[in-house]
Protein backbone atom coordinates (compact mmCIF):
# COMPACT_ATOMS: atom_id res chain seq x y z
CA MET A 1 -19.22 -5.89 7.26
CA ASP A 2 -20.83 -2.50 6.78
CA THR A 3 -23.35 -1.86 4.00
CA TRP A 4 -21.11 0.63 2.21
CA ALA A 5 -18.26 -1.91 2.19
CA SER A 6 -20.57 -4.51 0.63
CA LEU A 7 -21.36 -2.07 -2.15
CA VAL A 8 -17.66 -1.39 -2.77
CA ILE A 9 -16.90 -5.13 -2.83
CA GLY A 10 -19.76 -5.74 -5.26
CA VAL A 11 -18.47 -3.09 -7.66
CA LEU A 12 -14.90 -4.38 -7.41
CA GLY A 13 -16.12 -7.95 -7.90
CA TYR A 14 -18.01 -6.96 -11.05
CA ILE A 15 -14.95 -5.18 -12.45
CA ALA A 16 -12.81 -8.25 -11.74
CA TYR A 17 -15.44 -10.48 -13.37
CA ALA A 18 -15.70 -8.30 -16.48
CA LEU A 19 -11.92 -8.04 -16.94
CA THR A 20 -11.40 -11.77 -16.38
CA SER A 21 -14.18 -12.62 -18.81
CA LYS A 22 -12.65 -10.39 -21.51
CA ALA A 23 -9.22 -11.89 -20.87
CA MET A 24 -10.58 -15.43 -21.26
CA LEU A 25 -12.16 -14.46 -24.59
CA ALA A 26 -8.94 -12.80 -25.75
CA ILE A 27 -6.89 -15.94 -25.15
CA TYR A 28 -9.61 -18.22 -26.59
CA VAL A 29 -10.46 -20.14 -23.43
CA ASP A 30 -13.70 -22.09 -23.93
CA ASP A 31 -15.73 -21.19 -20.82
CA PRO A 32 -19.38 -20.86 -21.91
CA LEU A 33 -20.67 -20.30 -18.36
CA ASP A 34 -17.96 -17.78 -17.40
CA ALA A 35 -17.12 -19.91 -14.36
CA ILE A 36 -13.48 -18.82 -14.41
CA ALA A 37 -14.49 -15.16 -14.43
CA VAL A 38 -17.14 -15.54 -11.71
CA HIS A 39 -15.25 -17.76 -9.30
CA GLY A 40 -11.70 -16.81 -10.22
CA GLY A 41 -12.04 -13.06 -10.72
CA GLY A 42 -14.97 -12.19 -8.47
CA GLY A 43 -14.11 -14.78 -5.83
CA LEU A 44 -10.53 -13.63 -5.54
CA ILE A 45 -11.62 -10.03 -5.00
CA GLY A 46 -14.14 -11.18 -2.37
CA MET A 47 -11.44 -13.04 -0.46
CA ILE A 48 -9.04 -10.12 -0.51
CA CYS A 49 -11.71 -7.59 0.43
CA THR A 50 -12.60 -9.63 3.50
CA GLY A 51 -9.14 -8.77 4.82
CA LEU A 52 -9.83 -5.11 4.14
CA PHE A 53 -13.44 -4.57 5.25
CA ALA A 54 -14.27 -7.16 7.95
CA THR A 55 -15.62 -5.37 11.02
CA GLN A 56 -14.57 -6.13 14.57
CA SER A 57 -18.09 -7.07 15.66
CA THR A 58 -18.52 -9.57 12.83
CA VAL A 59 -15.14 -11.20 13.41
CA GLU A 60 -15.71 -11.47 17.17
CA MET A 61 -19.15 -13.01 16.59
CA TYR A 62 -17.38 -15.95 14.92
CA GLY A 63 -14.63 -16.20 17.54
CA GLY A 64 -11.92 -14.35 15.62
CA LYS A 65 -9.53 -11.69 16.86
CA HIS A 66 -8.28 -9.90 13.75
CA TYR A 67 -10.47 -7.69 11.61
CA GLY A 68 -10.09 -5.68 8.40
CA LEU A 69 -7.13 -3.47 7.60
CA LEU A 70 -9.30 -0.51 6.54
CA MET A 71 -11.46 -0.93 9.63
CA GLY A 72 -8.52 -0.35 11.97
CA GLY A 73 -7.74 -3.99 12.66
CA GLY A 74 -4.17 -4.13 11.45
CA SER A 75 -2.74 -6.20 8.65
CA LYS A 76 -2.90 -9.77 10.03
CA LEU A 77 -6.25 -10.73 8.46
CA PHE A 78 -5.38 -8.98 5.19
CA VAL A 79 -2.03 -10.79 4.91
CA ALA A 80 -3.75 -14.10 5.74
CA GLN A 81 -6.33 -13.50 2.99
CA ILE A 82 -3.60 -12.65 0.46
CA ALA A 83 -1.60 -15.77 1.43
CA THR A 84 -4.66 -17.98 1.19
CA SER A 85 -5.53 -16.53 -2.22
CA ALA A 86 -2.00 -17.19 -3.45
CA VAL A 87 -2.16 -20.80 -2.29
CA ILE A 88 -5.50 -21.34 -4.04
CA ILE A 89 -4.23 -19.86 -7.30
């Protein structure tokens, strides 16, 4: 993953965390450590962004074939990340 993509993912992860945290407060969910917001909101964005920003060199280093949608690798990894996220939810 490129450095600029890591920065984008970090910003998106923070936004997801902040929105999830506010939503949990609004519906009176008792989560004093914000675990739902950190792992649910930020983690979900991280999983999805892997399908968008994974570089070919990184994926090949771990024996994979499909890399990120925005990096020119097609949609297979992105669709797999979305499907996996849906199953986890």
